[in-house]
Amino acid sequence: MVNLRFCITALLASRATAFVAPISQQRASFVARSATPSKTPEFDSFGNNIAVKELLTSIENRSLLSDVARSGLLSKAQEAGISLSSLEPLLKLAGTNPDILVLVEASGPELLPILPKVIELAPPVLPLLSSVVGLGPGFLQAGAFVSAATAALLLLLIPDSSTLLVALQTFIIVILGLAVPVALTLASSVFGSLTK
């Protein structure tokens, strides 16, 4: 019986208003209006996501798909053995693992602001991408190894005699020693699985 009274007292005392003096309505409404930022609508009158609509309009205005066709990327990918049917195992994997779809959906709002910059940078990168597709996944693995070896060599050659040089070493290790090899290894793995 003592435990039951203790639990009820704890529940009643745990209410937030038990410890805070009441705030006047007028001041609370003023704070609430000034603290909430004005939101822009996310959807238009037809239910379309405005950010996605603007992204697709940007792709159309920049004629990105025409640039992809002119670069020869699709024909080189087909010559390398990449086709829509080779993407089928990846789609089946995504279908059997709903966690992947949840992650993709959850990352959508954070990725939308980045995509216009990707669209802007895409046309100059297309010729490089079409060249890489023609070389194959082994070349990407070799590039990852060369990048990591270059980072290690530069780390040995650059002295740590000043703060600026240590910062340079850190930058080199992060970019050439980690980011580039990981990106190239993942690209090689995906590219290798698509060309089998």
N, C-alpha and C. Protein backbone atom coordinates (compact mmCIF):
# COMPACT_ATOMS: atom_id res chain seq x y z
N MET A 1 0.81 -1.18 0.00
CA MET A 1 0.00 0.00 0.00
C MET A 1 0.86 1.26 0.00
N VAL A 2 1.99 1.20 0.72
CA VAL A 2 2.90 2.33 0.76
C VAL A 2 3.49 2.58 -0.62
N ASN A 3 3.83 1.50 -1.33
CA ASN A 3 4.39 1.64 -2.67
C ASN A 3 3.41 2.27 -3.63
N LEU A 4 2.13 1.92 -3.52
CA LEU A 4 1.11 2.49 -4.40
C LEU A 4 0.97 3.99 -4.15
N ARG A 5 0.96 4.40 -2.87
CA ARG A 5 0.88 5.83 -2.56
C ARG A 5 2.11 6.57 -3.07
N PHE A 6 3.26 5.95 -2.94
CA PHE A 6 4.50 6.56 -3.42
C PHE A 6 4.46 6.75 -4.93
N CYS A 7 3.97 5.75 -5.67
CA CYS A 7 3.87 5.84 -7.14
C CYS A 7 2.90 6.93 -7.56
N ILE A 8 1.75 7.02 -6.88
CA ILE A 8 0.76 8.05 -7.24
C ILE A 8 1.32 9.43 -6.96
N THR A 9 1.99 9.60 -5.82
CA THR A 9 2.60 10.89 -5.49
C THR A 9 3.67 11.26 -6.51
N ALA A 10 4.46 10.30 -6.92
CA ALA A 10 5.51 10.57 -7.91
C ALA A 10 4.91 10.96 -9.25
N LEU A 11 3.82 10.31 -9.64
CA LEU A 11 3.15 10.66 -10.90
C LEU A 11 2.58 12.07 -10.85
N LEU A 12 1.96 12.42 -9.74
CA LEU A 12 1.40 13.76 -9.63
C LEU A 12 2.49 14.83 -9.58
N ALA A 13 3.59 14.55 -8.92
CA ALA A 13 4.66 15.53 -8.79
C ALA A 13 5.48 15.65 -10.08
N SER A 14 5.40 14.66 -10.95
CA SER A 14 6.22 14.70 -12.16
C SER A 14 5.64 15.56 -13.26
N ARG A 15 4.45 16.06 -13.05
CA ARG A 15 3.89 16.97 -14.05
C ARG A 15 4.74 18.22 -14.13
N ALA A 16 4.97 18.72 -15.30
CA ALA A 16 5.83 19.88 -15.49
C ALA A 16 5.27 21.12 -14.81
N THR A 17 3.96 21.24 -14.75
CA THR A 17 3.38 22.43 -14.14
C THR A 17 3.49 22.42 -12.63
N ALA A 18 3.84 21.29 -12.05
CA ALA A 18 3.99 21.23 -10.60
C ALA A 18 5.20 22.01 -10.14
N PHE A 19 6.19 22.22 -11.01
CA PHE A 19 7.43 22.88 -10.64
C PHE A 19 7.59 24.27 -11.23
N VAL A 20 6.68 24.68 -12.11
CA VAL A 20 6.82 25.94 -12.82
C VAL A 20 5.62 26.82 -12.51
N ALA A 21 5.89 28.08 -12.26
CA ALA A 21 4.80 29.03 -12.04
C ALA A 21 4.06 29.25 -13.35
N PRO A 22 2.76 29.46 -13.30
CA PRO A 22 2.01 29.66 -14.54
C PRO A 22 2.47 30.93 -15.28
N ILE A 23 2.53 30.83 -16.60
CA ILE A 23 2.94 31.95 -17.45
C ILE A 23 1.69 32.64 -17.94
N SER A 24 1.73 33.96 -18.02
CA SER A 24 0.55 34.68 -18.47
C SER A 24 0.29 34.36 -19.94
N GLN A 25 -0.98 34.28 -20.31
CA GLN A 25 -1.37 33.92 -21.66
C GLN A 25 -0.88 34.93 -22.68
N GLN A 26 -0.95 36.20 -22.36
CA GLN A 26 -0.57 37.23 -23.33
C GLN A 26 0.90 37.11 -23.69
N ARG A 27 1.74 36.97 -22.72
CA ARG A 27 3.18 36.87 -23.00
C ARG A 27 3.51 35.56 -23.71
N ALA A 28 2.87 34.46 -23.33
CA ALA A 28 3.13 33.17 -23.95
C ALA A 28 2.77 33.21 -25.43
N SER A 29 1.65 33.85 -25.77
CA SER A 29 1.26 33.90 -27.17
C SER A 29 2.21 34.78 -27.96
N PHE A 30 2.75 35.84 -27.33
CA PHE A 30 3.71 36.69 -28.03
C PHE A 30 4.99 35.91 -28.31
N VAL A 31 5.47 35.17 -27.32
CA VAL A 31 6.69 34.38 -27.49
C VAL A 31 6.47 33.30 -28.54
N ALA A 32 5.31 32.68 -28.50
CA ALA A 32 5.05 31.60 -29.45
C ALA A 32 5.05 32.13 -30.89
N ARG A 33 4.48 33.31 -31.11
CA ARG A 33 4.45 33.85 -32.47
C ARG A 33 5.82 34.29 -32.94
N SER A 34 6.61 34.88 -32.06
CA SER A 34 7.92 35.36 -32.49
C SER A 34 8.94 34.24 -32.58
N ALA A 35 8.75 33.15 -31.85
CA ALA A 35 9.73 32.07 -31.85
C ALA A 35 9.54 31.13 -33.03
N THR A 36 8.34 31.05 -33.58
CA THR A 36 8.13 30.14 -34.69
C THR A 36 8.48 30.82 -36.00
N PRO A 37 9.42 30.26 -36.74
CA PRO A 37 9.78 30.87 -38.02
C PRO A 37 8.67 30.63 -39.05
N SER A 38 8.56 31.54 -39.97
CA SER A 38 7.55 31.36 -41.01
C SER A 38 8.03 30.28 -41.97
N LYS A 39 7.19 29.29 -42.17
CA LYS A 39 7.55 28.15 -43.02
C LYS A 39 7.05 28.40 -44.43
N THR A 40 7.88 28.03 -45.38
CA THR A 40 7.42 28.08 -46.76
C THR A 40 6.71 26.76 -47.04
N PRO A 41 5.72 26.78 -47.89
CA PRO A 41 4.99 25.54 -48.16
C PRO A 41 5.91 24.52 -48.85
N GLU A 42 5.75 23.25 -48.47
CA GLU A 42 6.55 22.19 -49.05
C GLU A 42 5.91 21.62 -50.30
N PHE A 43 4.59 21.77 -50.43
CA PHE A 43 3.87 21.18 -51.55
C PHE A 43 3.04 22.24 -52.25
N ASP A 44 2.88 22.09 -53.57
CA ASP A 44 2.04 23.02 -54.30
C ASP A 44 0.58 22.57 -54.23
N SER A 45 -0.28 23.24 -54.97
CA SER A 45 -1.72 22.95 -54.89
C SER A 45 -2.07 21.58 -55.46
N PHE A 46 -1.18 20.98 -56.26
CA PHE A 46 -1.43 19.66 -56.83
C PHE A 46 -0.83 18.54 -55.98
N GLY A 47 -0.11 18.89 -54.91
CA GLY A 47 0.49 17.88 -54.05
C GLY A 47 1.92 17.54 -54.42
N ASN A 48 2.51 18.29 -55.35
CA ASN A 48 3.89 18.05 -55.75
C ASN A 48 4.85 18.71 -54.78
N ASN A 49 5.93 18.04 -54.46
CA ASN A 49 6.97 18.60 -53.60
C ASN A 49 7.64 19.74 -54.37
N ILE A 50 7.64 20.93 -53.81
CA ILE A 50 8.16 22.11 -54.51
C ILE A 50 9.66 21.99 -54.76
N ALA A 51 10.43 21.45 -53.78
CA ALA A 51 11.87 21.33 -53.95
C ALA A 51 12.21 20.35 -55.08
N VAL A 52 11.48 19.24 -55.16
CA VAL A 52 11.72 18.27 -56.23
C VAL A 52 11.32 18.88 -57.57
N LYS A 53 10.23 19.62 -57.58
CA LYS A 53 9.77 20.27 -58.82
C LYS A 53 10.82 21.26 -59.33
N GLU A 54 11.39 22.05 -58.40
CA GLU A 54 12.43 23.01 -58.79
C GLU A 54 13.69 22.29 -59.26
N LEU A 55 14.01 21.16 -58.65
CA LEU A 55 15.17 20.37 -59.06
C LEU A 55 14.98 19.83 -60.48
N LEU A 56 13.81 19.29 -60.76
CA LEU A 56 13.55 18.76 -62.10
C LEU A 56 13.52 19.88 -63.14
N THR A 57 13.02 21.03 -62.77
CA THR A 57 13.04 22.18 -63.68
C THR A 57 14.48 22.60 -63.97
N SER A 58 15.31 22.57 -62.94
CA SER A 58 16.73 22.91 -63.12
C SER A 58 17.41 21.92 -64.05
N ILE A 59 17.10 20.64 -63.90
CA ILE A 59 17.67 19.62 -64.79
C ILE A 59 17.24 19.87 -66.22
N GLU A 60 15.98 20.23 -66.39
CA GLU A 60 15.47 20.50 -67.74
C GLU A 60 16.11 21.76 -68.33
N ASN A 61 16.23 22.82 -67.53
CA ASN A 61 16.80 24.07 -68.03
C ASN A 61 18.28 23.91 -68.39
N ARG A 62 19.00 23.10 -67.65
CA ARG A 62 20.43 22.89 -67.93
C ARG A 62 20.66 21.85 -69.02
N SER A 63 19.59 21.24 -69.51
CA SER A 63 19.64 20.17 -70.52
C SER A 63 20.66 19.09 -70.14
N LEU A 64 20.53 18.63 -68.89
CA LEU A 64 21.45 17.64 -68.36
C LEU A 64 21.34 16.31 -69.09
N LEU A 65 20.13 15.90 -69.42
CA LEU A 65 19.96 14.62 -70.11
C LEU A 65 20.57 14.66 -71.51
N SER A 66 20.50 15.80 -72.17
CA SER A 66 21.15 15.94 -73.48
C SER A 66 22.67 15.86 -73.32
N ASP A 67 23.19 16.44 -72.24
CA ASP A 67 24.62 16.35 -71.97
C ASP A 67 25.05 14.91 -71.71
N VAL A 68 24.22 14.16 -71.01
CA VAL A 68 24.52 12.74 -70.77
C VAL A 68 24.55 11.99 -72.09
N ALA A 69 23.61 12.27 -72.97
CA ALA A 69 23.58 11.60 -74.27
C ALA A 69 24.80 11.98 -75.11
N ARG A 70 25.19 13.26 -75.11
CA ARG A 70 26.35 13.70 -75.89
C ARG A 70 27.66 13.13 -75.35
N SER A 71 27.73 12.90 -74.05
CA SER A 71 28.98 12.41 -73.47
C SER A 71 29.25 10.95 -73.82
N GLY A 72 28.25 10.23 -74.26
CA GLY A 72 28.43 8.82 -74.59
C GLY A 72 28.47 7.92 -73.36
N LEU A 73 28.05 8.43 -72.24
CA LEU A 73 28.10 7.68 -71.00
C LEU A 73 27.23 6.43 -71.07
N LEU A 74 26.04 6.54 -71.60
CA LEU A 74 25.13 5.40 -71.64
C LEU A 74 25.63 4.31 -72.57
N SER A 75 26.19 4.67 -73.75
CA SER A 75 26.71 3.63 -74.65
C SER A 75 27.94 2.95 -74.07
N LYS A 76 28.80 3.72 -73.38
CA LYS A 76 29.96 3.10 -72.75
C LYS A 76 29.55 2.20 -71.60
N ALA A 77 28.51 2.59 -70.87
CA ALA A 77 28.01 1.73 -69.80
C ALA A 77 27.43 0.45 -70.38
N GLN A 78 26.75 0.55 -71.51
CA GLN A 78 26.20 -0.64 -72.14
C GLN A 78 27.32 -1.55 -72.66
N GLU A 79 28.37 -0.95 -73.22
CA GLU A 79 29.52 -1.74 -73.67
C GLU A 79 30.22 -2.43 -72.50
N ALA A 80 30.21 -1.79 -71.34
CA ALA A 80 30.84 -2.38 -70.16
C ALA A 80 29.95 -3.44 -69.51
N GLY A 81 28.74 -3.60 -70.00
CA GLY A 81 27.85 -4.63 -69.47
C GLY A 81 26.86 -4.13 -68.45
N ILE A 82 26.75 -2.82 -68.31
CA ILE A 82 25.79 -2.26 -67.36
C ILE A 82 24.50 -1.97 -68.12
N SER A 83 23.43 -2.55 -67.62
CA SER A 83 22.11 -2.30 -68.23
C SER A 83 21.09 -2.24 -67.11
N LEU A 84 19.86 -1.95 -67.47
CA LEU A 84 18.81 -1.91 -66.45
C LEU A 84 18.60 -3.28 -65.83
N SER A 85 18.81 -4.33 -66.60
CA SER A 85 18.65 -5.67 -66.02
C SER A 85 19.73 -5.97 -65.00
N SER A 86 20.90 -5.35 -65.14
CA SER A 86 21.95 -5.57 -64.13
C SER A 86 21.65 -4.81 -62.84
N LEU A 87 20.76 -3.83 -62.90
CA LEU A 87 20.34 -3.12 -61.69
C LEU A 87 19.27 -3.89 -60.91
N GLU A 88 18.70 -4.91 -61.53
CA GLU A 88 17.62 -5.66 -60.90
C GLU A 88 18.00 -6.28 -59.56
N PRO A 89 19.21 -6.89 -59.40
CA PRO A 89 19.56 -7.43 -58.08
C PRO A 89 19.61 -6.35 -56.99
N LEU A 90 20.06 -5.14 -57.34
CA LEU A 90 20.09 -4.06 -56.35
C LEU A 90 18.67 -3.66 -55.94
N LEU A 91 17.76 -3.65 -56.91
CA LEU A 91 16.37 -3.30 -56.61
C LEU A 91 15.71 -4.39 -55.76
N LYS A 92 16.05 -5.67 -56.05
CA LYS A 92 15.52 -6.76 -55.23
C LYS A 92 16.05 -6.66 -53.80
N LEU A 93 17.34 -6.32 -53.67
CA LEU A 93 17.94 -6.16 -52.35
C LEU A 93 17.23 -5.06 -51.57
N ALA A 94 16.95 -3.95 -52.24
CA ALA A 94 16.25 -2.85 -51.59
C ALA A 94 14.82 -3.25 -51.24
N GLY A 95 14.20 -4.07 -52.07
CA GLY A 95 12.83 -4.52 -51.80
C GLY A 95 12.74 -5.48 -50.64
N THR A 96 13.75 -6.32 -50.45
CA THR A 96 13.72 -7.29 -49.36
C THR A 96 14.18 -6.70 -48.04
N ASN A 97 14.90 -5.58 -48.08
CA ASN A 97 15.36 -4.91 -46.86
C ASN A 97 14.67 -3.57 -46.72
N PRO A 98 13.56 -3.51 -46.02
CA PRO A 98 12.84 -2.24 -45.90
C PRO A 98 13.65 -1.17 -45.16
N ASP A 99 14.68 -1.58 -44.41
CA ASP A 99 15.51 -0.59 -43.72
C ASP A 99 16.21 0.32 -44.71
N ILE A 100 16.60 -0.22 -45.86
CA ILE A 100 17.27 0.59 -46.88
C ILE A 100 16.32 1.68 -47.39
N LEU A 101 15.08 1.29 -47.64
CA LEU A 101 14.11 2.26 -48.13
C LEU A 101 13.81 3.33 -47.09
N VAL A 102 13.78 2.93 -45.82
CA VAL A 102 13.56 3.90 -44.75
C VAL A 102 14.72 4.89 -44.69
N LEU A 103 15.95 4.39 -44.84
CA LEU A 103 17.12 5.28 -44.83
C LEU A 103 17.10 6.25 -46.00
N VAL A 104 16.74 5.75 -47.17
CA VAL A 104 16.68 6.61 -48.36
C VAL A 104 15.60 7.67 -48.18
N GLU A 105 14.44 7.26 -47.66
CA GLU A 105 13.36 8.22 -47.46
C GLU A 105 13.72 9.24 -46.39
N ALA A 106 14.38 8.79 -45.34
CA ALA A 106 14.75 9.71 -44.26
C ALA A 106 15.82 10.70 -44.69
N SER A 107 16.70 10.28 -45.60
CA SER A 107 17.76 11.19 -46.04
C SER A 107 17.30 12.14 -47.12
N GLY A 108 16.11 11.96 -47.63
CA GLY A 108 15.59 12.81 -48.70
C GLY A 108 15.61 14.29 -48.39
N PRO A 109 15.02 14.75 -47.27
CA PRO A 109 15.01 16.19 -46.99
C PRO A 109 16.40 16.79 -46.83
N GLU A 110 17.35 16.02 -46.32
CA GLU A 110 18.70 16.55 -46.16
C GLU A 110 19.44 16.59 -47.49
N LEU A 111 19.09 15.69 -48.41
CA LEU A 111 19.78 15.65 -49.70
C LEU A 111 19.25 16.66 -50.70
N LEU A 112 17.99 17.05 -50.56
CA LEU A 112 17.40 17.97 -51.54
C LEU A 112 18.16 19.28 -51.67
N PRO A 113 18.65 19.91 -50.61
CA PRO A 113 19.41 21.14 -50.80
C PRO A 113 20.75 20.93 -51.51
N ILE A 114 21.31 19.74 -51.44
CA ILE A 114 22.61 19.45 -52.05
C ILE A 114 22.47 19.15 -53.54
N LEU A 115 21.35 18.58 -53.95
CA LEU A 115 21.19 18.13 -55.33
C LEU A 115 21.33 19.24 -56.39
N PRO A 116 20.85 20.47 -56.17
CA PRO A 116 21.08 21.49 -57.20
C PRO A 116 22.57 21.74 -57.47
N LYS A 117 23.40 21.68 -56.44
CA LYS A 117 24.84 21.85 -56.64
C LYS A 117 25.41 20.67 -57.44
N VAL A 118 24.90 19.46 -57.17
CA VAL A 118 25.34 18.29 -57.94
C VAL A 118 24.95 18.45 -59.40
N ILE A 119 23.74 18.94 -59.65
CA ILE A 119 23.28 19.16 -61.02
C ILE A 119 24.14 20.20 -61.71
N GLU A 120 24.54 21.22 -60.96
CA GLU A 120 25.39 22.27 -61.52
C GLU A 120 26.77 21.74 -61.89
N LEU A 121 27.31 20.83 -61.07
CA LEU A 121 28.66 20.29 -61.31
C LEU A 121 28.67 19.10 -62.26
N ALA A 122 27.52 18.55 -62.59
CA ALA A 122 27.46 17.33 -63.39
C ALA A 122 28.01 17.47 -64.81
N PRO A 123 27.67 18.51 -65.58
CA PRO A 123 28.14 18.55 -66.97
C PRO A 123 29.66 18.46 -67.14
N PRO A 124 30.48 19.15 -66.34
CA PRO A 124 31.92 18.98 -66.54
C PRO A 124 32.45 17.60 -66.13
N VAL A 125 31.73 16.90 -65.28
CA VAL A 125 32.19 15.61 -64.79
C VAL A 125 31.79 14.47 -65.72
N LEU A 126 30.80 14.67 -66.57
CA LEU A 126 30.30 13.60 -67.43
C LEU A 126 31.37 12.97 -68.32
N PRO A 127 32.25 13.74 -68.99
CA PRO A 127 33.29 13.08 -69.79
C PRO A 127 34.23 12.21 -68.94
N LEU A 128 34.57 12.68 -67.75
CA LEU A 128 35.42 11.89 -66.86
C LEU A 128 34.71 10.60 -66.45
N LEU A 129 33.43 10.71 -66.14
CA LEU A 129 32.66 9.54 -65.74
C LEU A 129 32.54 8.53 -66.88
N SER A 130 32.35 9.00 -68.10
CA SER A 130 32.28 8.08 -69.22
C SER A 130 33.63 7.42 -69.48
N SER A 131 34.73 8.12 -69.22
CA SER A 131 36.06 7.50 -69.35
C SER A 131 36.27 6.41 -68.30
N VAL A 132 35.83 6.67 -67.07
CA VAL A 132 35.99 5.71 -65.99
C VAL A 132 35.15 4.46 -66.25
N VAL A 133 33.94 4.63 -66.80
CA VAL A 133 33.10 3.48 -67.10
C VAL A 133 33.78 2.58 -68.12
N GLY A 134 34.51 3.18 -69.06
CA GLY A 134 35.21 2.38 -70.06
C GLY A 134 36.41 1.63 -69.51
N LEU A 135 36.96 2.08 -68.39
CA LEU A 135 38.16 1.44 -67.84
C LEU A 135 37.86 0.22 -66.99
N GLY A 136 36.80 0.22 -66.22
CA GLY A 136 36.43 -0.95 -65.44
C GLY A 136 36.73 -0.80 -63.96
N PRO A 137 36.24 -1.79 -63.17
CA PRO A 137 36.36 -1.70 -61.71
C PRO A 137 37.80 -1.90 -61.21
N GLY A 138 38.62 -2.62 -61.95
CA GLY A 138 40.01 -2.81 -61.54
C GLY A 138 40.78 -1.50 -61.50
N PHE A 139 40.49 -0.64 -62.45
CA PHE A 139 41.13 0.67 -62.49
C PHE A 139 40.75 1.49 -61.26
N LEU A 140 39.50 1.38 -60.83
CA LEU A 140 39.06 2.12 -59.64
C LEU A 140 39.76 1.60 -58.39
N GLN A 141 39.94 0.28 -58.29
CA GLN A 141 40.67 -0.29 -57.15
C GLN A 141 42.12 0.19 -57.16
N ALA A 142 42.73 0.22 -58.34
CA ALA A 142 44.10 0.71 -58.45
C ALA A 142 44.18 2.18 -58.05
N GLY A 143 43.19 2.96 -58.44
CA GLY A 143 43.16 4.37 -58.06
C GLY A 143 43.04 4.55 -56.55
N ALA A 144 42.27 3.68 -55.89
CA ALA A 144 42.16 3.74 -54.43
C ALA A 144 43.50 3.45 -53.78
N PHE A 145 44.21 2.45 -54.30
CA PHE A 145 45.52 2.11 -53.75
C PHE A 145 46.53 3.23 -53.97
N VAL A 146 46.54 3.80 -55.17
CA VAL A 146 47.46 4.89 -55.48
C VAL A 146 47.17 6.11 -54.59
N SER A 147 45.90 6.40 -54.36
CA SER A 147 45.54 7.53 -53.52
C SER A 147 46.02 7.33 -52.08
N ALA A 148 45.82 6.14 -51.54
CA ALA A 148 46.26 5.86 -50.18
C ALA A 148 47.79 5.88 -50.08
N ALA A 149 48.47 5.32 -51.10
CA ALA A 149 49.93 5.33 -51.10
C ALA A 149 50.48 6.75 -51.22
N THR A 150 49.84 7.58 -52.02
CA THR A 150 50.26 8.97 -52.16
C THR A 150 50.09 9.71 -50.84
N ALA A 151 48.99 9.46 -50.15
CA ALA A 151 48.76 10.10 -48.85
C ALA A 151 49.84 9.69 -47.86
N ALA A 152 50.18 8.40 -47.85
CA ALA A 152 51.22 7.93 -46.92
C ALA A 152 52.57 8.54 -47.27
N LEU A 153 52.90 8.63 -48.55
CA LEU A 153 54.17 9.21 -48.98
C LEU A 153 54.24 10.69 -48.62
N LEU A 154 53.16 11.42 -48.88
CA LEU A 154 53.14 12.85 -48.53
C LEU A 154 53.22 13.06 -47.03
N LEU A 155 52.62 12.17 -46.27
CA LEU A 155 52.69 12.26 -44.81
C LEU A 155 54.13 12.11 -44.33
N LEU A 156 54.89 11.23 -45.01
CA LEU A 156 56.30 11.04 -44.64
C LEU A 156 57.18 12.20 -45.10
N LEU A 157 56.84 12.78 -46.25
CA LEU A 157 57.69 13.83 -46.82
C LEU A 157 57.45 15.21 -46.20
N ILE A 158 56.24 15.49 -45.78
CA ILE A 158 55.93 16.81 -45.23
C ILE A 158 56.28 16.81 -43.74
N PRO A 159 57.16 17.69 -43.33
CA PRO A 159 57.53 17.71 -41.91
C PRO A 159 56.41 18.30 -41.05
N ASP A 160 56.39 17.94 -39.76
CA ASP A 160 55.39 18.52 -38.87
C ASP A 160 56.05 19.58 -37.99
N SER A 161 56.67 20.53 -38.65
CA SER A 161 57.40 21.57 -37.93
C SER A 161 56.56 22.79 -37.61
N SER A 162 55.38 22.91 -38.22
CA SER A 162 54.52 24.06 -37.92
C SER A 162 53.06 23.61 -37.92
N THR A 163 52.24 24.45 -37.38
CA THR A 163 50.81 24.14 -37.32
C THR A 163 50.21 24.04 -38.71
N LEU A 164 50.65 24.90 -39.61
CA LEU A 164 50.14 24.88 -40.97
C LEU A 164 50.47 23.56 -41.67
N LEU A 165 51.70 23.05 -41.47
CA LEU A 165 52.07 21.79 -42.10
C LEU A 165 51.33 20.60 -41.49
N VAL A 166 51.05 20.65 -40.20
CA VAL A 166 50.26 19.59 -39.57
C VAL A 166 48.83 19.63 -40.10
N ALA A 167 48.29 20.82 -40.29
CA ALA A 167 46.95 20.95 -40.87
C ALA A 167 46.93 20.42 -42.30
N LEU A 168 47.99 20.69 -43.06
CA LEU A 168 48.09 20.17 -44.42
C LEU A 168 48.15 18.65 -44.41
N GLN A 169 48.93 18.08 -43.49
CA GLN A 169 49.00 16.63 -43.37
C GLN A 169 47.62 16.04 -43.05
N THR A 170 46.91 16.68 -42.15
CA THR A 170 45.58 16.20 -41.78
C THR A 170 44.64 16.25 -42.97
N PHE A 171 44.68 17.34 -43.71
CA PHE A 171 43.85 17.48 -44.90
C PHE A 171 44.17 16.39 -45.93
N ILE A 172 45.45 16.13 -46.13
CA ILE A 172 45.87 15.11 -47.10
C ILE A 172 45.39 13.73 -46.66
N ILE A 173 45.54 13.43 -45.37
CA ILE A 173 45.12 12.11 -44.88
C ILE A 173 43.60 11.95 -45.02
N VAL A 174 42.86 12.98 -44.68
CA VAL A 174 41.40 12.87 -44.76
C VAL A 174 40.94 12.71 -46.20
N ILE A 175 41.50 13.51 -47.10
CA ILE A 175 41.04 13.46 -48.50
C ILE A 175 41.66 12.29 -49.25
N LEU A 176 43.00 12.29 -49.37
CA LEU A 176 43.66 11.25 -50.18
C LEU A 176 43.75 9.91 -49.46
N GLY A 177 43.84 9.94 -48.14
CA GLY A 177 44.03 8.69 -47.41
C GLY A 177 42.74 8.00 -47.01
N LEU A 178 41.65 8.76 -46.90
CA LEU A 178 40.39 8.15 -46.47
C LEU A 178 39.26 8.32 -47.49
N ALA A 179 38.90 9.56 -47.80
CA ALA A 179 37.71 9.81 -48.62
C ALA A 179 37.83 9.24 -50.03
N VAL A 180 38.93 9.53 -50.70
CA VAL A 180 39.09 9.06 -52.08
C VAL A 180 39.19 7.54 -52.15
N PRO A 181 40.01 6.88 -51.32
CA PRO A 181 40.05 5.41 -51.39
C PRO A 181 38.71 4.74 -51.06
N VAL A 182 38.00 5.26 -50.06
CA VAL A 182 36.70 4.67 -49.72
C VAL A 182 35.72 4.86 -50.87
N ALA A 183 35.67 6.06 -51.44
CA ALA A 183 34.76 6.32 -52.55
C ALA A 183 35.09 5.45 -53.76
N LEU A 184 36.37 5.33 -54.09
CA LEU A 184 36.77 4.52 -55.24
C LEU A 184 36.53 3.03 -54.99
N THR A 185 36.74 2.57 -53.77
CA THR A 185 36.50 1.15 -53.46
C THR A 185 35.01 0.84 -53.54
N LEU A 186 34.17 1.72 -52.99
CA LEU A 186 32.72 1.51 -53.10
C LEU A 186 32.26 1.57 -54.55
N ALA A 187 32.78 2.53 -55.30
CA ALA A 187 32.40 2.62 -56.73
C ALA A 187 32.85 1.39 -57.48
N SER A 188 34.03 0.89 -57.16
CA SER A 188 34.52 -0.33 -57.82
C SER A 188 33.65 -1.53 -57.48
N SER A 189 33.24 -1.62 -56.22
CA SER A 189 32.39 -2.72 -55.80
C SER A 189 31.04 -2.69 -56.50
N VAL A 190 30.43 -1.51 -56.54
CA VAL A 190 29.13 -1.37 -57.20
C VAL A 190 29.29 -1.62 -58.71
N PHE A 191 30.32 -1.04 -59.29
CA PHE A 191 30.56 -1.19 -60.72
C PHE A 191 30.83 -2.66 -61.06
N GLY A 192 31.60 -3.34 -60.21
CA GLY A 192 31.88 -4.75 -60.43
C GLY A 192 30.63 -5.61 -60.32
N SER A 193 29.74 -5.30 -59.37
CA SER A 193 28.52 -6.08 -59.24
C SER A 193 27.55 -5.81 -60.40
N LEU A 194 27.62 -4.62 -60.98
CA LEU A 194 26.73 -4.31 -62.11
C LEU A 194 27.20 -4.93 -63.41
N THR A 195 28.49 -5.17 -63.55
CA THR A 195 29.01 -5.70 -64.82
C THR A 195 29.10 -7.22 -64.84
N LYS A 196 28.75 -7.89 -63.76
CA LYS A 196 28.81 -9.37 -63.74
C LYS A 196 27.71 -9.96 -64.57
